[in-house]
Structure formats: C-alpha cells, structure tokens
Amino acid sequence: MADEKDILKKLEAICSEAKSFLSKKDNTLKEKEGLIVELEQAISKVETVGGETTALKSTLKRFVGDLHQEEMREEDILKENLYIIEASDVLNSLLNNEPENYTSERNRISGLKTKKSQIEELNNKYEERIKGIEGESEEKSKLRLDIIHNSDSIKEWDNDFLSFEGRYGSVNDKVSNFDSEIAKEQSKRDKLQFKIDELDFEIESGYAAFKSVHKDLVDNRINFTSVDSKRAELEQVNITYGVSGLDLNNIQSESDSMKANLDDIELKEKEIDDKILELKESKNKLVSQIGKRDDTISKLKGEKKVLENTSESKDLDIKTLKGKLGAWKVNYNEFEKLVNDLEEYVGYPKYSKMEGDATPEGQNPLIPLIERMQSITEWVVQQEDVTNTTPTTVEVETPSLTPYLIGAVTVSALMMFNK
C-alpha cells in the first residue's frame, strides 16, 4: 500500500521537524529557568547574612521577564499551530476523515457554486428547448420536471450558501483582508526585487569593465616596466660613459608618459571598483529589506492558514498572541483526538508505550504528544519489518488500511504495507 506508506513517511518527517523545533525551545527555556533558580539561591544566601539584594532582585525580575517573553514568542506559537495543522491534515488523510472547518466548507461551497452555474445554464437550455416544442409532449413534460428538480437543488444550495455566510462570513472577511495584505507586501517585494535585478546588471557590467581595464593596466604595467628598465640602463651608461643625453631624454619622456597613462588606468580601475562596492552595498540593503518583506509575508500566510484551518475561529484575532494561543488550544485538542484515533486505528498496544501519560511540569504538552505519535509510526514500521521476514504470504482483500488487532491478526493486516 504505497499511498499509506507515503502518508506515514510524511507524518514521520513532520514529527521529526516539529520535535527538533520544540526540543530546541525547551532547552532554551530550561537554561533560562536554571539561571533563575541559581539567582534565587544566590539571593537567599545573601539575605541570610544581611547583604544587599536590590540589584540581584532587579536582575531576577529581568530574567523572569525574559523567560516569559521566550515562552510566549508569537512566532513560535504560530509555528506550533502550523505543525499541528500540518500533522492533523496528514492524519485526517490517513483516517479518511473530512474535517469541518472554514477551508473544507469553503471548498465545498465553491464546488456547489460551480454546480449551480452549470445547472442554471442547463435550465436555460431546457427552457429554450421547451419554447421550441409545439403543444404538449412527453419530452416537454420531462424537461419541466428536470427544471423543477434542478431548481430544488439550487434552492438547497442557496441555503448552504447562506449558512456558510452566517457561520464563516467574518472568517471569510478576515481571509480576504489577509489576501489583500499579502498582495500588497508581495507587490512591495517585487519592486525591491526589480531594483536588485537592475543592480545585478550594473554590477555585472562593472565587473566586465573592471576586467577590461585591469587587462589594460597589466599590459601597460608590463610595457612601462620594460621601458623604465631601458631608461635606467641608459641612464647608467650615460653616467659611466658620458654618451649623448638625447636618447636618455627621449626614453625618459616616453617613460613619464607611460607612467602618467598607467596612473590614469589605475585611477579608472579604482573608480570602477569603488562603484561596484557602492552597488553591492545598495544591493545588500535591498536584500535586507526583501528579507523583512519575506518574513512579513511568511507570517501573514501562516496566520491566514491558522485562521482557515482552526475550527470556530471567527471569534479569534489570529494576529494577536491571545488569538494564536486560543487557536493552539483548539488545534491541540483536535490533534490529540486524532492521535488517539490513529492509535486505535492501527491497533497500537497500550502496554508497549514507554512515554507514559503524564506531561512533566512546565513542559509543552505538544512534545510528549509528538513523541507518542512517533512511537506509533515506529511501531507500525517494526511490525512491517516482522511481516517482511514471515515465510508465508497473507493475502488481504481490503484495498486500504484497516484497524489492526493484537496478535496474529495484527501481523496479517500489516502485510498491506508491503504491497
């Protein structure tokens, strides 16, 4: 069953990434908590000997504030929501669930609106056909009945549309606002990227000019070195033998001219190099601005996704910390239920769980839940490995995953994963 195996692999990848993120944050929090404990102990010792603790207590207050700030980082709460939603989507797919939230309902309503347009167009054709039939006939009667049946369906769909607007109207408006904000940020980003592309062209052109000038510089430097060497030799001959100074003057003039030309080329090369550095600095500033735009767009898209996929999110302001925490609670509870359903679905033996049910004090409950899901998927893989070594083949007629039973039935059912 390639599809189910692919789903499990995807689930494992999400678990691994989420656990890595959660573990890093958990370690950071523990380090900060450790500093607080050490400082509290230091304050207690100083107080026992009557020492001054004002500065220490001020530092402790700052440490506690830092810890709270780290715990309540909005971007982290948002990221946790997204991990939960992504894993829940995979679990729903594996369990063949159809979750009821804004996204699923919007997609259903969108499909019904398409059907409505098609049926209305079909009814118009039927009406035109009826007008073209003289007198009464069986065809005419059938067309009328079809129109009535189609109209009844449209009325039912209209009620669904009204129900959707009543239930998700405010969410739909918020989603539209997110789309508008994202589009504006994307437009600003595109303009920045256009400027960067222009700068890249100028930088490449500058490199080409620099390469050409540098070649001239090298060639002229070689020629100057040769002429200057001849000048030096001739000067030495003139000093030694007192020969005519005309040749020396001519070569000195040539050498001076070449030196002046060489200086000009060096200056030009430096100007080009300085211009390239200036262009690069301008580009780096734009790249930094694009990075900030990307962060904003990513955050908006994440908040939009949480809004769309959180049940009963109409009363939540996803842009606030309170709203993100509210969404987290709803999504966590639904995710926990899905993990329970998965456990039952695959027949995961409860006696094999080593992680226990209790969450350590102060630990994010999402960590043990992720670990629990990892244990389930790992157990399924282990059972599959067992069936791979089984000499007999067990044929399973069911074309999709079925709930596993402990014992021989479990092994037989798990053979599905090998197909």
Protein backbone atom coordinates (compact mmCIF):
# COMPACT_ATOMS: atom_id res chain seq x y z
CA MET A 1 0.00 0.00 0.00
CA ALA A 2 2.26 2.72 -1.34
CA ASP A 3 -0.14 5.56 -0.55
CA GLU A 4 -0.41 4.66 3.15
CA LYS A 5 3.35 4.17 3.42
CA ASP A 6 3.94 7.59 1.82
CA ILE A 7 1.49 9.15 4.26
CA LEU A 8 3.31 7.60 7.20
CA LYS A 9 6.66 8.81 5.87
CA LYS A 10 5.25 12.32 5.56
CA LEU A 11 3.91 12.08 9.09
CA GLU A 12 7.31 10.94 10.38
CA ALA A 13 9.00 13.88 8.63
CA ILE A 14 6.59 16.36 10.23
CA CYS A 15 7.10 14.75 13.65
CA SER A 16 10.88 14.91 13.31
CA GLU A 17 10.91 18.57 12.26
CA ALA A 18 8.39 19.59 14.91
CA LYS A 19 10.21 17.72 17.68
CA SER A 20 13.54 19.30 16.70
CA PHE A 21 12.00 22.77 16.90
CA LEU A 22 10.19 22.04 20.18
CA SER A 23 13.27 20.43 21.77
CA LYS A 24 15.48 23.42 20.97
CA LYS A 25 12.95 25.78 22.50
CA ASP A 26 12.50 23.51 25.52
CA ASN A 27 16.27 23.50 26.11
CA THR A 28 16.37 27.30 25.84
CA LEU A 29 13.60 27.59 28.43
CA LYS A 30 15.34 25.14 30.77
CA GLU A 31 18.56 27.15 30.55
CA LYS A 32 16.70 30.34 31.46
CA GLU A 33 14.86 28.55 34.27
CA GLY A 34 18.22 27.27 35.56
CA LEU A 35 19.60 30.80 35.68
CA ILE A 36 16.55 31.94 37.64
CA VAL A 37 16.91 29.11 40.16
CA GLU A 38 20.63 29.86 40.64
CA LEU A 39 19.92 33.56 41.11
CA GLU A 40 17.12 32.85 43.60
CA GLN A 41 19.51 30.67 45.60
CA ALA A 42 22.16 33.40 45.50
CA ILE A 43 19.66 35.99 46.75
CA SER A 44 18.61 33.67 49.56
CA LYS A 45 22.25 33.21 50.66
CA VAL A 46 22.93 36.95 50.61
CA GLU A 47 19.76 37.65 52.60
CA THR A 48 20.78 35.15 55.29
CA VAL A 49 23.89 37.21 56.01
CA GLY A 50 22.03 40.52 55.78
CA GLY A 51 23.51 41.57 52.47
CA GLU A 52 22.08 43.99 49.92
CA THR A 53 19.95 42.19 47.28
CA THR A 54 18.31 45.07 45.41
CA ALA A 55 20.48 44.71 42.32
CA LEU A 56 20.14 40.92 42.36
CA LYS A 57 16.37 41.10 42.63
CA SER A 58 16.27 43.57 39.74
CA THR A 59 18.27 41.11 37.66
CA LEU A 60 15.95 38.28 38.75
CA LYS A 61 12.94 40.27 37.62
CA ARG A 62 14.57 40.78 34.24
CA PHE A 63 15.38 37.07 33.97
CA VAL A 64 11.78 36.15 34.76
CA GLY A 65 10.58 38.61 32.13
CA ASP A 66 12.96 37.13 29.56
CA LEU A 67 11.67 33.64 30.35
CA HIS A 68 8.05 34.70 29.94
CA GLN A 69 8.88 36.51 26.72
CA GLU A 70 10.61 33.38 25.38
CA GLU A 71 7.67 31.18 26.36
CA MET A 72 5.16 33.49 24.69
CA ARG A 73 7.03 34.27 21.46
CA GLU A 74 4.25 34.83 18.94
CA GLU A 75 6.23 33.43 16.02
CA ASP A 76 6.83 30.20 17.98
CA ILE A 77 3.15 29.81 18.91
CA LEU A 78 2.28 30.39 15.25
CA LYS A 79 4.82 27.79 14.16
CA GLU A 80 3.47 25.24 16.62
CA ASN A 81 -0.04 25.85 15.28
CA LEU A 82 1.21 25.21 11.75
CA TYR A 83 2.94 21.97 12.76
CA ILE A 84 -0.25 20.77 14.46
CA ILE A 85 -2.37 21.69 11.44
CA GLU A 86 0.01 20.01 9.00
CA ALA A 87 0.17 16.80 11.04
CA SER A 88 -3.61 16.84 11.53
CA ASP A 89 -4.13 17.14 7.77
CA VAL A 90 -1.97 14.06 7.22
CA LEU A 91 -3.78 12.12 9.95
CA ASN A 92 -7.17 13.05 8.54
CA SER A 93 -6.00 11.83 5.16
CA LEU A 94 -4.80 8.55 6.67
CA LEU A 95 -8.01 8.06 8.64
CA ASN A 96 -10.23 9.15 5.71
CA ASN A 97 -11.73 11.94 7.82
CA GLU A 98 -13.40 15.01 6.40
CA PRO A 99 -12.76 17.76 8.94
CA GLU A 100 -15.29 20.55 9.18
CA ASN A 101 -13.56 23.91 9.15
CA TYR A 102 -13.52 27.05 7.06
CA THR A 103 -11.23 25.60 4.39
CA SER A 104 -13.20 22.40 3.87
CA GLU A 105 -16.52 24.26 3.87
CA ARG A 106 -15.20 26.94 1.51
CA ASN A 107 -14.05 24.26 -0.91
CA ARG A 108 -17.41 22.51 -0.69
CA ILE A 109 -19.31 25.76 -1.24
CA SER A 110 -17.03 26.65 -4.13
CA GLY A 111 -17.86 23.32 -5.74
CA LEU A 112 -21.58 23.87 -5.20
CA LYS A 113 -21.40 27.34 -6.76
CA THR A 114 -19.77 25.83 -9.83
CA LYS A 115 -22.53 23.23 -9.99
CA LYS A 116 -25.15 25.93 -9.57
CA SER A 117 -23.79 27.87 -12.54
CA GLN A 118 -23.77 24.71 -14.64
CA ILE A 119 -27.33 23.76 -13.62
CA GLU A 120 -28.64 27.30 -14.25
CA GLU A 121 -27.09 27.19 -17.70
CA LEU A 122 -28.65 23.76 -18.27
CA ASN A 123 -32.08 25.02 -17.14
CA ASN A 124 -31.82 27.89 -19.61
CA LYS A 125 -31.17 25.40 -22.38
CA TYR A 126 -34.13 23.30 -21.24
CA GLU A 127 -36.39 26.37 -21.26
CA GLU A 128 -35.25 27.28 -24.75
CA ARG A 129 -35.91 23.72 -25.83
CA ILE A 130 -39.42 23.82 -24.32
CA LYS A 131 -40.19 27.03 -26.22
CA GLY A 132 -39.29 25.27 -29.44
CA ILE A 133 -41.66 22.36 -28.87
CA GLU A 134 -45.22 22.95 -30.05
CA GLY A 135 -48.05 21.51 -27.97
CA GLU A 136 -47.60 19.06 -25.15
CA SER A 137 -45.34 16.06 -25.34
CA GLU A 138 -43.53 13.56 -23.15
CA GLU A 139 -40.25 15.34 -23.82
CA LYS A 140 -41.72 18.67 -22.78
CA SER A 141 -43.06 17.19 -19.53
CA LYS A 142 -39.72 15.56 -18.76
CA LEU A 143 -37.86 18.83 -19.36
CA ARG A 144 -40.22 20.65 -16.98
CA LEU A 145 -39.65 18.00 -14.30
CA ASP A 146 -35.89 18.29 -14.78
CA ILE A 147 -36.08 22.06 -14.42
CA ILE A 148 -38.12 21.71 -11.20
CA HIS A 149 -35.68 19.13 -9.82
CA ASN A 150 -32.71 21.32 -10.70
CA SER A 151 -34.38 24.38 -9.18
CA ASP A 152 -34.99 22.48 -5.93
CA SER A 153 -31.29 21.57 -5.82
CA ILE A 154 -30.35 25.20 -6.40
CA LYS A 155 -32.61 26.28 -3.51
CA GLU A 156 -30.91 23.77 -1.21
CA TRP A 157 -27.51 25.05 -2.30
CA ASP A 158 -28.62 28.65 -1.75
CA ASN A 159 -29.47 27.67 1.82
CA ASP A 160 -25.99 26.19 2.15
CA PHE A 161 -24.52 29.43 0.85
CA LEU A 162 -26.48 31.43 3.43
CA SER A 163 -25.44 29.01 6.17
CA PHE A 164 -21.80 29.37 5.13
CA GLU A 165 -22.05 33.15 5.17
CA GLY A 166 -23.68 33.07 8.58
CA ARG A 167 -21.12 30.73 10.06
CA TYR A 168 -17.97 31.79 8.24
CA GLY A 169 -18.75 35.27 6.96
CA SER A 170 -16.46 37.01 9.44
CA VAL A 171 -13.70 34.47 8.81
CA ASN A 172 -14.12 34.94 5.07
CA ASP A 173 -13.72 38.70 5.50
CA LYS A 174 -10.57 38.19 7.59
CA VAL A 175 -9.15 35.82 4.95
CA SER A 176 -9.86 38.44 2.28
CA ASN A 177 -8.01 41.03 4.38
CA PHE A 178 -5.06 38.68 4.67
CA ASP A 179 -5.07 38.15 0.91
CA SER A 180 -5.06 41.91 0.41
CA GLU A 181 -2.18 42.44 2.87
CA ILE A 182 -0.17 39.61 1.34
CA ALA A 183 -0.72 41.02 -2.15
CA LYS A 184 0.49 44.47 -1.02
CA GLU A 185 3.58 43.04 0.65
CA GLN A 186 4.28 40.88 -2.39
CA SER A 187 3.98 43.93 -4.64
CA LYS A 188 6.48 45.83 -2.48
CA ARG A 189 8.78 42.82 -2.54
CA ASP A 190 8.53 42.55 -6.33
CA LYS A 191 9.55 46.20 -6.67
CA LEU A 192 12.57 45.60 -4.45
CA GLN A 193 13.48 42.54 -6.49
CA PHE A 194 13.24 44.58 -9.69
CA LYS A 195 15.72 47.09 -8.25
CA ILE A 196 18.02 44.24 -7.22
CA ASP A 197 17.87 42.81 -10.74
CA GLU A 198 18.85 46.23 -12.12
CA LEU A 199 21.73 46.44 -9.66
CA ASP A 200 22.86 42.93 -10.59
CA PHE A 201 23.00 44.03 -14.22
CA GLU A 202 25.05 47.11 -13.28
CA ILE A 203 27.35 45.02 -11.10
CA GLU A 204 27.93 42.50 -13.89
CA SER A 205 28.58 45.36 -16.30
CA GLY A 206 31.00 46.84 -13.76
CA TYR A 207 32.85 43.54 -13.48
CA ALA A 208 33.14 43.38 -17.27
CA ALA A 209 34.50 46.95 -17.38
CA PHE A 210 36.85 46.21 -14.47
CA LYS A 211 38.16 43.12 -16.26
CA SER A 212 38.84 45.12 -19.43
CA VAL A 213 40.54 47.99 -17.58
CA HIS A 214 42.56 45.58 -15.45
CA LYS A 215 43.83 43.89 -18.61
CA ASP A 216 44.92 47.28 -19.93
CA LEU A 217 46.54 48.00 -16.59
CA VAL A 218 48.51 44.76 -16.65
CA ASP A 219 49.60 45.26 -20.28
CA ASN A 220 50.64 48.88 -19.68
CA ARG A 221 52.44 47.97 -16.48
CA ILE A 222 54.48 45.36 -18.36
CA ASN A 223 55.31 47.88 -21.10
CA PHE A 224 56.17 50.57 -18.56
CA THR A 225 58.42 48.20 -16.64
CA SER A 226 60.25 47.33 -19.85
CA VAL A 227 60.70 50.97 -20.91
CA ASP A 228 61.66 52.08 -17.41
CA SER A 229 64.29 49.34 -17.25
CA LYS A 230 65.76 50.57 -20.54
CA ARG A 231 65.71 54.13 -19.19
CA ALA A 232 67.57 53.04 -16.07
CA GLU A 233 70.15 51.18 -18.13
CA LEU A 234 70.63 54.13 -20.46
CA GLU A 235 70.96 56.47 -17.52
CA GLN A 236 73.66 54.29 -16.02
CA VAL A 237 75.50 54.17 -19.37
CA ASN A 238 75.29 57.93 -19.63
CA ILE A 239 76.74 58.33 -16.15
CA THR A 240 79.51 55.85 -16.83
CA TYR A 241 80.49 56.77 -20.38
CA GLY A 242 79.04 60.25 -20.82
CA VAL A 243 77.17 59.41 -24.04
CA SER A 244 74.66 61.77 -25.64
CA GLY A 245 71.74 62.59 -23.37
CA LEU A 246 69.28 62.89 -26.29
CA ASP A 247 68.35 59.21 -26.21
CA LEU A 248 68.02 59.38 -22.45
CA ASN A 249 65.70 62.39 -22.70
CA ASN A 250 63.52 60.65 -25.29
CA ILE A 251 63.19 57.47 -23.28
CA GLN A 252 62.63 59.48 -20.10
CA SER A 253 59.79 61.32 -21.84
CA GLU A 254 58.33 58.02 -23.03
CA SER A 255 58.62 56.56 -19.55
CA ASP A 256 56.94 59.60 -17.94
CA SER A 257 54.12 59.46 -20.48
CA MET A 258 53.56 55.76 -19.87
CA LYS A 259 53.65 56.32 -16.09
CA ALA A 260 51.01 59.05 -16.37
CA ASN A 261 48.86 56.75 -18.53
CA LEU A 262 49.35 53.93 -16.03
CA ASP A 263 48.25 56.21 -13.19
CA ASP A 264 45.12 57.13 -15.16
CA ILE A 265 44.26 53.48 -15.74
CA GLU A 266 44.84 52.66 -12.05
CA LEU A 267 42.57 55.55 -11.09
CA LYS A 268 39.91 54.35 -13.53
CA GLU A 269 40.17 50.82 -12.13
CA LYS A 270 39.77 52.13 -8.60
CA GLU A 271 36.74 54.21 -9.63
CA ILE A 272 35.12 51.13 -11.16
CA ASP A 273 35.98 49.04 -8.09
CA ASP A 274 34.54 51.71 -5.77
CA LYS A 275 31.39 51.86 -7.90
CA ILE A 276 30.99 48.09 -7.72
CA LEU A 277 31.35 48.22 -3.93
CA GLU A 278 28.75 51.00 -3.80
CA LEU A 279 26.36 48.97 -5.94
CA LYS A 280 26.91 45.92 -3.75
CA GLU A 281 26.17 47.92 -0.61
CA SER A 282 22.95 49.20 -2.20
CA LYS A 283 22.04 45.64 -3.17
CA ASN A 284 22.74 44.33 0.35
CA LYS A 285 20.38 46.95 1.80
CA LEU A 286 17.67 45.91 -0.65
CA VAL A 287 18.29 42.23 0.10
CA SER A 288 17.87 43.02 3.79
CA GLN A 289 14.58 44.80 3.02
CA ILE A 290 13.42 41.81 0.95
CA GLY A 291 14.26 39.53 3.88
CA LYS A 292 11.98 41.61 6.11
CA ARG A 293 9.24 41.54 3.46
CA ASP A 294 9.62 37.75 3.20
CA ASP A 295 9.31 37.42 6.97
CA THR A 296 6.17 39.55 6.93
CA ILE A 297 4.66 37.60 4.03
CA SER A 298 5.52 34.29 5.73
CA LYS A 299 3.88 35.45 8.96
CA LEU A 300 0.75 36.66 7.16
CA LYS A 301 0.46 33.40 5.23
CA GLY A 302 0.94 31.42 8.44
CA GLU A 303 -1.70 33.44 10.29
CA LYS A 304 -4.06 33.04 7.35
CA LYS A 305 -3.56 29.26 7.31
CA VAL A 306 -4.23 29.02 11.06
CA LEU A 307 -7.36 31.13 10.63
CA GLU A 308 -8.59 28.96 7.76
CA ASN A 309 -7.93 25.64 9.47
CA THR A 310 -8.94 26.32 13.07
CA SER A 311 -12.47 25.25 13.96
CA GLU A 312 -14.73 28.06 15.10
CA SER A 313 -12.04 30.67 14.54
CA LYS A 314 -14.46 33.54 13.86
CA ASP A 315 -14.06 34.89 17.40
CA LEU A 316 -10.26 34.66 17.35
CA ASP A 317 -7.98 37.51 16.35
CA ILE A 318 -5.18 35.39 14.90
CA LYS A 319 -2.89 38.41 14.65
CA THR A 320 -2.68 38.68 18.44
CA LEU A 321 -0.89 36.44 20.94
CA LYS A 322 -4.21 35.74 22.64
CA GLY A 323 -5.73 34.65 19.33
CA LYS A 324 -2.79 32.39 18.49
CA LEU A 325 -2.97 30.78 21.95
CA GLY A 326 -6.71 30.27 21.55
CA ALA A 327 -6.18 28.63 18.17
CA TRP A 328 -3.38 26.49 19.65
CA LYS A 329 -5.70 25.13 22.32
CA VAL A 330 -8.42 24.23 19.80
CA ASN A 331 -5.96 22.68 17.34
CA TYR A 332 -4.07 20.79 20.04
CA ASN A 333 -7.26 19.18 21.38
CA GLU A 334 -8.31 18.09 17.89
CA PHE A 335 -4.79 16.83 17.16
CA GLU A 336 -4.74 14.82 20.40
CA LYS A 337 -8.03 13.19 19.42
CA LEU A 338 -6.60 12.29 16.01
CA VAL A 339 -3.55 10.69 17.65
CA ASN A 340 -5.91 8.67 19.86
CA ASP A 341 -7.87 7.64 16.76
CA LEU A 342 -4.66 6.65 14.99
CA GLU A 343 -3.64 4.55 17.98
CA GLU A 344 -6.91 2.65 17.85
CA TYR A 345 -6.90 2.50 14.06
CA VAL A 346 -3.58 0.66 13.85
CA GLY A 347 -4.13 -1.41 17.00
CA TYR A 348 -1.17 0.13 18.83
CA PRO A 349 -0.81 -1.92 22.05
CA LYS A 350 -1.09 0.32 25.06
CA TYR A 351 1.30 -1.83 27.08
CA SER A 352 4.09 -1.00 24.60
CA LYS A 353 4.00 2.72 25.34
CA MET A 354 7.02 3.81 27.30
CA GLU A 355 6.41 7.53 27.37
CA GLY A 356 3.62 7.46 29.92
CA ASP A 357 0.60 9.71 30.06
CA ALA A 358 1.78 12.48 32.34
CA THR A 359 3.46 15.57 30.93
CA PRO A 360 6.42 16.78 33.04
CA GLU A 361 5.65 20.00 34.86
CA GLY A 362 6.44 23.04 32.75
CA GLN A 363 6.92 21.04 29.56
CA ASN A 364 4.99 21.90 26.41
CA PRO A 365 2.32 19.13 26.14
CA LEU A 366 2.86 19.08 22.38
CA ILE A 367 6.28 17.44 22.92
CA PRO A 368 5.02 14.18 24.51
CA LEU A 369 2.12 14.08 22.04
CA ILE A 370 4.54 14.32 19.13
CA GLU A 371 6.71 11.63 20.75
CA ARG A 372 3.65 9.45 21.19
CA MET A 373 2.77 9.76 17.53
CA GLN A 374 6.38 8.93 16.64
CA SER A 375 6.15 5.81 18.79
CA ILE A 376 3.03 4.71 16.96
CA THR A 377 4.53 5.18 13.50
CA GLU A 378 7.78 3.50 14.57
CA TRP A 379 5.79 0.58 15.96
CA VAL A 380 3.95 0.21 12.65
CA VAL A 381 7.26 0.11 10.79
CA GLN A 382 8.60 -2.51 13.22
CA GLN A 383 5.55 -4.68 12.65
CA GLU A 384 6.05 -4.30 8.93
CA ASP A 385 9.67 -5.48 9.31
CA VAL A 386 8.37 -8.56 11.14
CA THR A 387 6.00 -9.41 8.29
CA ASN A 388 8.85 -8.98 5.79
CA THR A 389 10.62 -11.95 7.43
CA THR A 390 7.49 -14.11 7.61
CA PRO A 391 7.82 -17.06 5.17
CA THR A 392 4.11 -17.28 4.45
CA THR A 393 2.16 -14.71 2.47
CA VAL A 394 -1.12 -13.46 3.84
CA GLU A 395 -3.48 -12.07 1.23
CA VAL A 396 -5.60 -9.12 2.27
CA GLU A 397 -8.56 -8.23 0.09
CA THR A 398 -9.22 -4.87 1.71
CA PRO A 399 -7.72 -2.17 -0.59
CA SER A 400 -7.00 0.30 2.21
CA LEU A 401 -5.78 0.39 5.81
CA THR A 402 -7.98 -1.42 8.34
CA PRO A 403 -7.82 -1.31 12.14
CA TYR A 404 -5.16 -3.67 13.42
CA LEU A 405 -5.76 -6.31 16.09
CA ILE A 406 -3.17 -7.55 18.57
CA GLY A 407 -1.60 -10.90 17.74
CA ALA A 408 -1.80 -12.85 14.51
CA VAL A 409 -4.46 -10.60 13.04
CA THR A 410 -2.17 -7.60 13.55
CA VAL A 411 0.64 -9.20 11.59
CA SER A 412 -1.73 -10.18 8.78
CA ALA A 413 -3.21 -6.73 8.48
CA LEU A 414 0.20 -5.08 8.46
CA MET A 415 1.09 -7.07 5.35
CA MET A 416 -0.84 -4.39 3.49
CA PHE A 417 2.07 -2.02 3.90
CA ASN A 418 4.28 -4.28 1.79
CA LYS A 419 2.13 -4.06 -1.33
